[in-house]
């Protein structure tokens, strides 16, 4: 994963891209992966760890009605989180992560291992996607989500 973070930092710096993260189930691990790379202060503005619904609303401007209607783990909330990260930072590119890392908390509709992501790039459409990691360990789900997030950021670099 460190190789991905190093590549992201290098390419973002070269392209003048500033990144922010909006993390729920990863609890800051994406920000941690990026900032573990020397020189990341040049391209990383901030990370929002918005584990609670209140934090999503207060820090990112996610509508409580959106959370109520779709649930915190949803495409709609991931999009709102990514866009909120852009709107509340100096970033030009953001990633949002919200999911169910388990081992409890899942349902038939939203099983453990379901993670919703979104990347937002200023001036372009926000792109959501989801991954279903299955009933692997909590740590494996979270680390899988970090990997997917770094890949998504790399793929959105202009």
N, C-alpha and C. Protein backbone atom coordinates (compact mmCIF):
# COMPACT_ATOMS: atom_id res chain seq x y z
N UNK A 1 0.83 -1.19 0.00
CA UNK A 1 0.00 0.00 0.00
C UNK A 1 0.87 1.25 0.00
N UNK A 2 2.03 1.15 0.63
CA UNK A 2 2.92 2.30 0.68
C UNK A 2 3.35 2.72 -0.72
N UNK A 3 3.53 1.74 -1.63
CA UNK A 3 3.90 2.07 -3.01
C UNK A 3 2.81 2.91 -3.67
N UNK A 4 1.54 2.56 -3.43
CA UNK A 4 0.43 3.33 -3.99
C UNK A 4 0.42 4.74 -3.44
N UNK A 5 0.61 4.88 -2.14
CA UNK A 5 0.62 6.20 -1.52
C UNK A 5 1.79 7.03 -2.06
N UNK A 6 2.95 6.43 -2.20
CA UNK A 6 4.11 7.14 -2.74
C UNK A 6 3.85 7.61 -4.16
N UNK A 7 3.25 6.74 -4.97
CA UNK A 7 2.93 7.11 -6.36
C UNK A 7 1.91 8.24 -6.39
N UNK A 8 0.89 8.16 -5.53
CA UNK A 8 -0.13 9.20 -5.47
C UNK A 8 0.50 10.54 -5.10
N UNK A 9 1.32 10.56 -4.08
CA UNK A 9 1.96 11.80 -3.65
C UNK A 9 2.80 12.39 -4.78
N UNK A 10 3.61 11.56 -5.39
CA UNK A 10 4.50 12.02 -6.47
C UNK A 10 3.71 12.60 -7.64
N UNK A 11 2.67 11.86 -8.07
CA UNK A 11 1.89 12.31 -9.24
C UNK A 11 1.03 13.53 -8.91
N UNK A 12 0.48 13.59 -7.70
CA UNK A 12 -0.33 14.75 -7.32
C UNK A 12 0.55 16.01 -7.27
N UNK A 13 1.74 15.88 -6.72
CA UNK A 13 2.66 17.03 -6.68
C UNK A 13 2.99 17.47 -8.10
N UNK A 14 3.31 16.52 -8.97
CA UNK A 14 3.68 16.85 -10.34
C UNK A 14 2.55 17.55 -11.08
N UNK A 15 1.32 17.23 -10.73
CA UNK A 15 0.16 17.80 -11.43
C UNK A 15 -0.47 18.97 -10.68
N UNK A 16 0.08 19.31 -9.53
CA UNK A 16 -0.45 20.44 -8.77
C UNK A 16 -1.81 20.18 -8.15
N UNK A 17 -2.10 18.92 -7.84
CA UNK A 17 -3.39 18.55 -7.26
C UNK A 17 -3.29 18.54 -5.74
N UNK A 18 -4.29 19.11 -5.09
CA UNK A 18 -4.38 19.12 -3.63
C UNK A 18 -5.50 18.16 -3.23
N UNK A 19 -5.24 17.29 -2.28
CA UNK A 19 -6.18 16.22 -1.90
C UNK A 19 -6.69 16.41 -0.48
N UNK A 20 -7.96 16.04 -0.30
CA UNK A 20 -8.59 15.94 1.02
C UNK A 20 -9.31 14.60 1.08
N UNK A 21 -9.47 14.09 2.29
CA UNK A 21 -10.21 12.84 2.48
C UNK A 21 -11.39 13.07 3.42
N UNK A 22 -12.43 12.27 3.22
CA UNK A 22 -13.60 12.25 4.11
C UNK A 22 -13.81 10.78 4.47
N UNK A 23 -13.43 10.41 5.68
CA UNK A 23 -13.40 9.01 6.07
C UNK A 23 -14.37 8.70 7.20
N UNK A 24 -15.05 7.58 7.05
CA UNK A 24 -15.87 7.07 8.14
C UNK A 24 -15.27 5.76 8.61
N UNK A 25 -15.57 4.65 7.95
CA UNK A 25 -15.14 3.34 8.45
C UNK A 25 -13.62 3.15 8.46
N UNK A 26 -12.88 3.93 7.70
CA UNK A 26 -11.43 3.81 7.70
C UNK A 26 -10.78 4.65 8.80
N UNK A 27 -11.53 5.51 9.45
CA UNK A 27 -11.07 6.23 10.62
C UNK A 27 -9.76 6.99 10.47
N UNK A 28 -9.46 7.48 9.30
CA UNK A 28 -8.24 8.25 9.08
C UNK A 28 -7.09 7.47 8.48
N UNK A 29 -7.31 6.20 8.18
CA UNK A 29 -6.22 5.38 7.63
C UNK A 29 -5.76 5.85 6.25
N UNK A 30 -6.68 6.39 5.44
CA UNK A 30 -6.29 6.89 4.11
C UNK A 30 -5.39 8.11 4.28
N UNK A 31 -5.81 9.03 5.14
CA UNK A 31 -4.98 10.20 5.43
C UNK A 31 -3.63 9.77 5.98
N UNK A 32 -3.64 8.78 6.85
CA UNK A 32 -2.40 8.27 7.42
C UNK A 32 -1.47 7.68 6.37
N UNK A 33 -2.04 6.95 5.42
CA UNK A 33 -1.23 6.36 4.35
C UNK A 33 -0.59 7.45 3.50
N UNK A 34 -1.37 8.48 3.19
CA UNK A 34 -0.84 9.57 2.35
C UNK A 34 0.24 10.34 3.12
N UNK A 35 -0.06 10.69 4.35
CA UNK A 35 0.88 11.53 5.10
C UNK A 35 2.09 10.77 5.63
N UNK A 36 2.11 9.46 5.45
CA UNK A 36 3.31 8.70 5.81
C UNK A 36 4.42 8.89 4.77
N UNK A 37 4.07 9.50 3.64
CA UNK A 37 5.02 9.72 2.54
C UNK A 37 5.66 11.11 2.71
N UNK A 38 6.98 11.15 2.69
CA UNK A 38 7.68 12.43 2.76
C UNK A 38 7.26 13.32 1.60
N UNK A 39 7.02 14.58 1.90
CA UNK A 39 6.62 15.53 0.86
C UNK A 39 5.12 15.66 0.69
N UNK A 40 4.36 14.85 1.41
CA UNK A 40 2.90 14.87 1.24
C UNK A 40 2.28 16.20 1.66
N UNK A 41 2.97 16.97 2.48
CA UNK A 41 2.42 18.26 2.91
C UNK A 41 2.24 19.20 1.72
N UNK A 42 2.91 18.93 0.63
CA UNK A 42 2.78 19.74 -0.58
C UNK A 42 1.45 19.50 -1.28
N UNK A 43 0.87 18.30 -1.12
CA UNK A 43 -0.33 17.96 -1.88
C UNK A 43 -1.52 17.52 -1.03
N UNK A 44 -1.37 17.44 0.27
CA UNK A 44 -2.46 17.00 1.13
C UNK A 44 -2.92 18.16 2.01
N UNK A 45 -4.19 18.52 1.89
CA UNK A 45 -4.71 19.64 2.67
C UNK A 45 -5.22 19.20 4.02
N UNK A 46 -6.14 18.23 4.04
CA UNK A 46 -6.72 17.80 5.31
C UNK A 46 -7.51 16.50 5.15
N UNK A 47 -7.72 15.86 6.29
CA UNK A 47 -8.55 14.67 6.34
C UNK A 47 -9.66 14.89 7.35
N UNK A 48 -10.87 14.56 6.94
CA UNK A 48 -12.02 14.63 7.82
C UNK A 48 -12.35 13.21 8.27
N UNK A 49 -12.27 12.95 9.56
CA UNK A 49 -12.71 11.66 10.09
C UNK A 49 -14.11 11.91 10.65
N UNK A 50 -15.10 11.46 9.90
CA UNK A 50 -16.50 11.74 10.25
C UNK A 50 -17.19 10.41 10.52
N UNK A 51 -16.85 9.84 11.65
CA UNK A 51 -17.34 8.52 12.01
C UNK A 51 -18.83 8.56 12.36
N UNK A 52 -19.26 9.59 13.05
CA UNK A 52 -20.67 9.69 13.44
C UNK A 52 -21.47 10.45 12.37
N UNK A 53 -22.77 10.24 12.40
CA UNK A 53 -23.65 10.97 11.49
C UNK A 53 -23.60 12.47 11.77
N UNK A 54 -23.53 12.84 13.04
CA UNK A 54 -23.43 14.26 13.39
C UNK A 54 -22.17 14.87 12.80
N UNK A 55 -21.06 14.16 12.85
CA UNK A 55 -19.81 14.67 12.29
C UNK A 55 -19.93 14.86 10.78
N UNK A 56 -20.59 13.92 10.11
CA UNK A 56 -20.79 14.05 8.66
C UNK A 56 -21.55 15.34 8.35
N UNK A 57 -22.57 15.62 9.15
CA UNK A 57 -23.38 16.82 8.94
C UNK A 57 -22.60 18.08 9.32
N UNK A 58 -21.98 18.08 10.49
CA UNK A 58 -21.31 19.28 11.00
C UNK A 58 -20.05 19.65 10.22
N UNK A 59 -19.22 18.66 9.88
CA UNK A 59 -17.94 18.96 9.25
C UNK A 59 -18.00 18.98 7.72
N UNK A 60 -18.89 18.20 7.13
CA UNK A 60 -18.94 18.09 5.68
C UNK A 60 -20.20 18.66 5.06
N UNK A 61 -21.18 18.99 5.90
CA UNK A 61 -22.43 19.54 5.36
C UNK A 61 -23.36 18.50 4.78
N UNK A 62 -23.17 17.22 5.16
CA UNK A 62 -24.07 16.17 4.68
C UNK A 62 -25.44 16.36 5.34
N UNK A 63 -26.47 16.39 4.54
CA UNK A 63 -27.82 16.61 5.06
C UNK A 63 -28.26 15.45 5.95
N UNK A 64 -28.73 15.74 7.16
CA UNK A 64 -29.27 14.68 8.01
C UNK A 64 -30.42 13.93 7.33
N UNK A 65 -31.19 14.62 6.50
CA UNK A 65 -32.27 13.96 5.76
C UNK A 65 -31.72 12.93 4.78
N UNK A 66 -30.58 13.22 4.17
CA UNK A 66 -29.95 12.27 3.25
C UNK A 66 -29.55 11.01 4.01
N UNK A 67 -28.97 11.20 5.18
CA UNK A 67 -28.58 10.06 6.01
C UNK A 67 -29.81 9.29 6.45
N UNK A 68 -30.86 9.99 6.86
CA UNK A 68 -32.09 9.35 7.30
C UNK A 68 -32.74 8.55 6.17
N UNK A 69 -32.76 9.11 4.97
CA UNK A 69 -33.44 8.47 3.84
C UNK A 69 -32.65 7.32 3.21
N UNK A 70 -31.33 7.43 3.18
CA UNK A 70 -30.51 6.43 2.49
C UNK A 70 -29.60 5.63 3.41
N UNK A 71 -29.37 6.14 4.60
CA UNK A 71 -28.43 5.50 5.52
C UNK A 71 -27.04 6.06 5.33
N UNK A 72 -26.25 6.02 6.39
CA UNK A 72 -24.89 6.56 6.33
C UNK A 72 -24.03 5.78 5.35
N UNK A 73 -24.32 4.50 5.18
CA UNK A 73 -23.58 3.67 4.24
C UNK A 73 -24.39 3.59 2.96
N UNK A 74 -24.15 4.54 2.07
CA UNK A 74 -24.91 4.63 0.82
C UNK A 74 -24.12 5.43 -0.21
N UNK A 75 -24.48 5.22 -1.46
CA UNK A 75 -23.88 5.99 -2.55
C UNK A 75 -24.13 7.47 -2.33
N UNK A 76 -25.36 7.82 -1.96
CA UNK A 76 -25.74 9.21 -1.80
C UNK A 76 -24.91 9.92 -0.74
N UNK A 77 -24.68 9.26 0.37
CA UNK A 77 -23.90 9.86 1.45
C UNK A 77 -22.42 9.93 1.05
N UNK A 78 -21.90 8.92 0.37
CA UNK A 78 -20.51 8.96 -0.08
C UNK A 78 -20.29 10.15 -1.02
N UNK A 79 -21.22 10.39 -1.92
CA UNK A 79 -21.12 11.53 -2.83
C UNK A 79 -21.13 12.84 -2.04
N UNK A 80 -22.07 12.96 -1.11
CA UNK A 80 -22.17 14.18 -0.31
C UNK A 80 -20.90 14.40 0.52
N UNK A 81 -20.32 13.33 1.03
CA UNK A 81 -19.08 13.43 1.81
C UNK A 81 -17.93 13.92 0.93
N UNK A 82 -17.79 13.35 -0.25
CA UNK A 82 -16.70 13.74 -1.16
C UNK A 82 -16.84 15.20 -1.56
N UNK A 83 -18.06 15.61 -1.89
CA UNK A 83 -18.29 16.99 -2.29
C UNK A 83 -18.11 17.93 -1.10
N UNK A 84 -18.53 17.48 0.09
CA UNK A 84 -18.33 18.28 1.29
C UNK A 84 -16.86 18.48 1.61
N UNK A 85 -16.05 17.47 1.36
CA UNK A 85 -14.61 17.60 1.59
C UNK A 85 -14.00 18.66 0.69
N UNK A 86 -14.46 18.72 -0.56
CA UNK A 86 -13.99 19.77 -1.47
C UNK A 86 -14.45 21.14 -0.99
N UNK A 87 -15.72 21.22 -0.61
CA UNK A 87 -16.31 22.50 -0.22
C UNK A 87 -15.76 23.05 1.09
N UNK A 88 -15.20 22.19 1.93
CA UNK A 88 -14.70 22.61 3.24
C UNK A 88 -13.17 22.52 3.34
N UNK A 89 -12.52 22.61 2.18
CA UNK A 89 -11.05 22.54 2.16
C UNK A 89 -10.52 23.31 0.96
N UNK A 90 -9.22 23.27 0.81
CA UNK A 90 -8.56 23.89 -0.35
C UNK A 90 -8.26 22.84 -1.42
N UNK A 91 -8.80 21.65 -1.25
CA UNK A 91 -8.51 20.54 -2.15
C UNK A 91 -9.16 20.72 -3.51
N UNK A 92 -8.54 20.08 -4.49
CA UNK A 92 -9.11 20.01 -5.83
C UNK A 92 -9.60 18.59 -6.13
N UNK A 93 -9.22 17.65 -5.29
CA UNK A 93 -9.62 16.25 -5.44
C UNK A 93 -9.86 15.67 -4.05
N UNK A 94 -10.95 14.92 -3.93
CA UNK A 94 -11.23 14.28 -2.64
C UNK A 94 -11.71 12.86 -2.85
N UNK A 95 -11.62 12.10 -1.76
CA UNK A 95 -12.19 10.76 -1.73
C UNK A 95 -12.99 10.64 -0.44
N UNK A 96 -14.11 9.93 -0.52
CA UNK A 96 -14.94 9.66 0.65
C UNK A 96 -15.12 8.16 0.79
N UNK A 97 -15.17 7.71 2.04
CA UNK A 97 -15.32 6.29 2.34
C UNK A 97 -16.31 6.14 3.47
N UNK A 98 -17.34 5.30 3.26
CA UNK A 98 -18.31 5.00 4.31
C UNK A 98 -18.74 3.55 4.14
N UNK A 99 -18.66 2.78 5.20
CA UNK A 99 -18.98 1.37 5.06
C UNK A 99 -19.21 0.67 6.38
N UNK A 100 -19.36 -0.64 6.28
CA UNK A 100 -19.62 -1.49 7.44
C UNK A 100 -18.43 -2.45 7.57
N UNK A 101 -17.55 -2.16 8.53
CA UNK A 101 -16.34 -2.96 8.70
C UNK A 101 -16.55 -4.17 9.58
N UNK A 102 -17.67 -4.20 10.32
CA UNK A 102 -18.00 -5.36 11.13
C UNK A 102 -17.19 -5.45 12.41
N UNK A 103 -17.29 -6.55 13.09
CA UNK A 103 -17.94 -7.78 12.64
C UNK A 103 -19.47 -7.73 12.72
N UNK A 104 -20.03 -6.78 13.45
CA UNK A 104 -21.49 -6.64 13.51
C UNK A 104 -21.93 -5.45 12.70
N UNK A 105 -23.23 -5.18 12.77
CA UNK A 105 -23.77 -3.98 12.14
C UNK A 105 -24.30 -4.16 10.73
N UNK A 106 -24.11 -5.32 10.16
CA UNK A 106 -24.58 -5.54 8.80
C UNK A 106 -26.03 -6.00 8.77
N UNK A 107 -26.59 -6.00 7.56
CA UNK A 107 -27.95 -6.49 7.34
C UNK A 107 -27.96 -7.20 5.98
N UNK A 108 -29.09 -7.75 5.61
CA UNK A 108 -29.21 -8.40 4.30
C UNK A 108 -28.95 -7.38 3.20
N UNK A 109 -29.55 -6.19 3.33
CA UNK A 109 -29.38 -5.14 2.32
C UNK A 109 -27.99 -4.52 2.33
N UNK A 110 -27.43 -4.39 3.54
CA UNK A 110 -26.12 -3.77 3.70
C UNK A 110 -25.25 -4.67 4.57
N UNK A 111 -24.63 -5.66 3.94
CA UNK A 111 -23.86 -6.64 4.71
C UNK A 111 -22.51 -6.10 5.19
N UNK A 112 -21.97 -6.76 6.19
CA UNK A 112 -20.60 -6.46 6.62
C UNK A 112 -19.70 -6.59 5.39
N UNK A 113 -18.80 -5.65 5.25
CA UNK A 113 -17.88 -5.65 4.11
C UNK A 113 -18.31 -4.73 2.98
N UNK A 114 -19.52 -4.17 3.06
CA UNK A 114 -19.98 -3.22 2.05
C UNK A 114 -19.37 -1.86 2.33
N UNK A 115 -18.69 -1.30 1.35
CA UNK A 115 -18.09 0.02 1.50
C UNK A 115 -18.44 0.84 0.26
N UNK A 116 -18.96 2.05 0.51
CA UNK A 116 -19.25 2.99 -0.56
C UNK A 116 -18.15 4.04 -0.60
N UNK A 117 -17.74 4.41 -1.80
CA UNK A 117 -16.69 5.38 -2.03
C UNK A 117 -17.21 6.43 -3.01
N UNK A 118 -16.58 7.58 -3.02
CA UNK A 118 -16.81 8.57 -4.07
C UNK A 118 -15.56 9.42 -4.19
N UNK A 119 -15.24 9.80 -5.43
CA UNK A 119 -14.17 10.76 -5.66
C UNK A 119 -14.80 11.99 -6.29
N UNK A 120 -14.36 13.15 -5.84
CA UNK A 120 -14.86 14.41 -6.38
C UNK A 120 -13.66 15.23 -6.85
N UNK A 121 -13.75 15.70 -8.08
CA UNK A 121 -12.71 16.52 -8.70
C UNK A 121 -13.35 17.83 -9.10
N UNK A 122 -12.78 18.95 -8.65
CA UNK A 122 -13.36 20.26 -8.95
C UNK A 122 -13.62 20.40 -10.45
N UNK A 123 -14.84 20.84 -10.77
CA UNK A 123 -15.20 21.07 -12.17
C UNK A 123 -15.63 19.84 -12.93
N UNK A 124 -15.67 18.68 -12.26
CA UNK A 124 -16.09 17.45 -12.92
C UNK A 124 -17.12 16.73 -12.07
N UNK A 125 -17.74 15.72 -12.66
CA UNK A 125 -18.74 14.94 -11.94
C UNK A 125 -18.10 14.14 -10.81
N UNK A 126 -18.85 13.97 -9.74
CA UNK A 126 -18.42 13.10 -8.65
C UNK A 126 -18.69 11.67 -9.06
N UNK A 127 -17.74 10.80 -8.79
CA UNK A 127 -17.84 9.40 -9.22
C UNK A 127 -17.93 8.47 -8.02
N UNK A 128 -19.10 7.87 -7.82
CA UNK A 128 -19.25 6.90 -6.73
C UNK A 128 -18.94 5.48 -7.21
N UNK A 129 -18.56 4.64 -6.28
CA UNK A 129 -18.44 3.20 -6.56
C UNK A 129 -18.54 2.47 -5.23
N UNK A 130 -18.76 1.18 -5.30
CA UNK A 130 -18.82 0.39 -4.08
C UNK A 130 -17.98 -0.85 -4.22
N UNK A 131 -17.57 -1.36 -3.08
CA UNK A 131 -16.85 -2.64 -3.01
C UNK A 131 -17.53 -3.48 -1.94
N UNK A 132 -17.58 -4.76 -2.20
CA UNK A 132 -18.10 -5.72 -1.22
C UNK A 132 -16.96 -6.67 -0.88
N UNK A 133 -16.38 -6.41 0.27
CA UNK A 133 -15.21 -7.18 0.69
C UNK A 133 -15.57 -8.52 1.32
N UNK A 134 -16.84 -8.71 1.64
CA UNK A 134 -17.27 -9.96 2.25
C UNK A 134 -17.00 -9.97 3.75
N UNK A 135 -17.16 -11.13 4.34
CA UNK A 135 -17.05 -11.26 5.79
C UNK A 135 -15.61 -11.60 6.21
N UNK A 136 -14.68 -10.84 5.69
CA UNK A 136 -13.30 -10.96 6.14
C UNK A 136 -13.16 -10.14 7.43
N UNK A 137 -12.00 -10.08 7.98
CA UNK A 137 -11.83 -9.38 9.26
C UNK A 137 -12.04 -7.87 9.11
N UNK A 138 -12.33 -7.24 10.24
CA UNK A 138 -12.50 -5.78 10.27
C UNK A 138 -11.27 -5.08 9.71
N UNK A 139 -10.09 -5.51 10.17
CA UNK A 139 -8.85 -4.89 9.68
C UNK A 139 -8.69 -5.08 8.18
N UNK A 140 -9.01 -6.26 7.68
CA UNK A 140 -8.87 -6.53 6.24
C UNK A 140 -9.83 -5.66 5.42
N UNK A 141 -11.04 -5.46 5.92
CA UNK A 141 -12.00 -4.59 5.22
C UNK A 141 -11.47 -3.16 5.19
N UNK A 142 -11.01 -2.69 6.33
CA UNK A 142 -10.50 -1.31 6.41
C UNK A 142 -9.27 -1.12 5.53
N UNK A 143 -8.37 -2.07 5.54
CA UNK A 143 -7.18 -1.94 4.70
C UNK A 143 -7.52 -2.08 3.22
N UNK A 144 -8.48 -2.92 2.91
CA UNK A 144 -8.96 -3.02 1.52
C UNK A 144 -9.57 -1.71 1.06
N UNK A 145 -10.27 -1.04 1.96
CA UNK A 145 -10.88 0.25 1.62
C UNK A 145 -9.81 1.33 1.41
N UNK A 146 -8.74 1.27 2.19
CA UNK A 146 -7.64 2.23 2.00
C UNK A 146 -7.03 2.02 0.62
N UNK A 147 -6.75 0.78 0.28
CA UNK A 147 -6.16 0.45 -1.02
C UNK A 147 -7.06 0.94 -2.15
N UNK A 148 -8.35 0.66 -2.06
CA UNK A 148 -9.30 1.09 -3.09
C UNK A 148 -9.35 2.62 -3.19
N UNK A 149 -9.25 3.29 -2.06
CA UNK A 149 -9.27 4.76 -2.05
C UNK A 149 -8.06 5.35 -2.73
N UNK A 150 -6.89 4.81 -2.42
CA UNK A 150 -5.66 5.31 -3.06
C UNK A 150 -5.70 5.07 -4.56
N UNK A 151 -6.17 3.90 -4.98
CA UNK A 151 -6.30 3.62 -6.40
C UNK A 151 -7.28 4.59 -7.07
N UNK A 152 -8.40 4.86 -6.39
CA UNK A 152 -9.40 5.76 -6.94
C UNK A 152 -8.84 7.17 -7.10
N UNK A 153 -8.09 7.63 -6.11
CA UNK A 153 -7.48 8.96 -6.21
C UNK A 153 -6.49 9.00 -7.37
N UNK A 154 -5.67 7.98 -7.51
CA UNK A 154 -4.72 7.93 -8.63
C UNK A 154 -5.45 7.98 -9.97
N UNK A 155 -6.55 7.27 -10.07
CA UNK A 155 -7.27 7.21 -11.36
C UNK A 155 -7.96 8.53 -11.69
N UNK A 156 -8.20 9.38 -10.68
CA UNK A 156 -8.87 10.67 -10.92
C UNK A 156 -7.90 11.82 -11.14
N UNK A 157 -6.61 11.60 -10.97
CA UNK A 157 -5.67 12.69 -11.20
C UNK A 157 -5.79 13.17 -12.64
N UNK A 158 -5.92 14.49 -12.83
CA UNK A 158 -6.09 15.02 -14.19
C UNK A 158 -4.82 14.87 -15.03
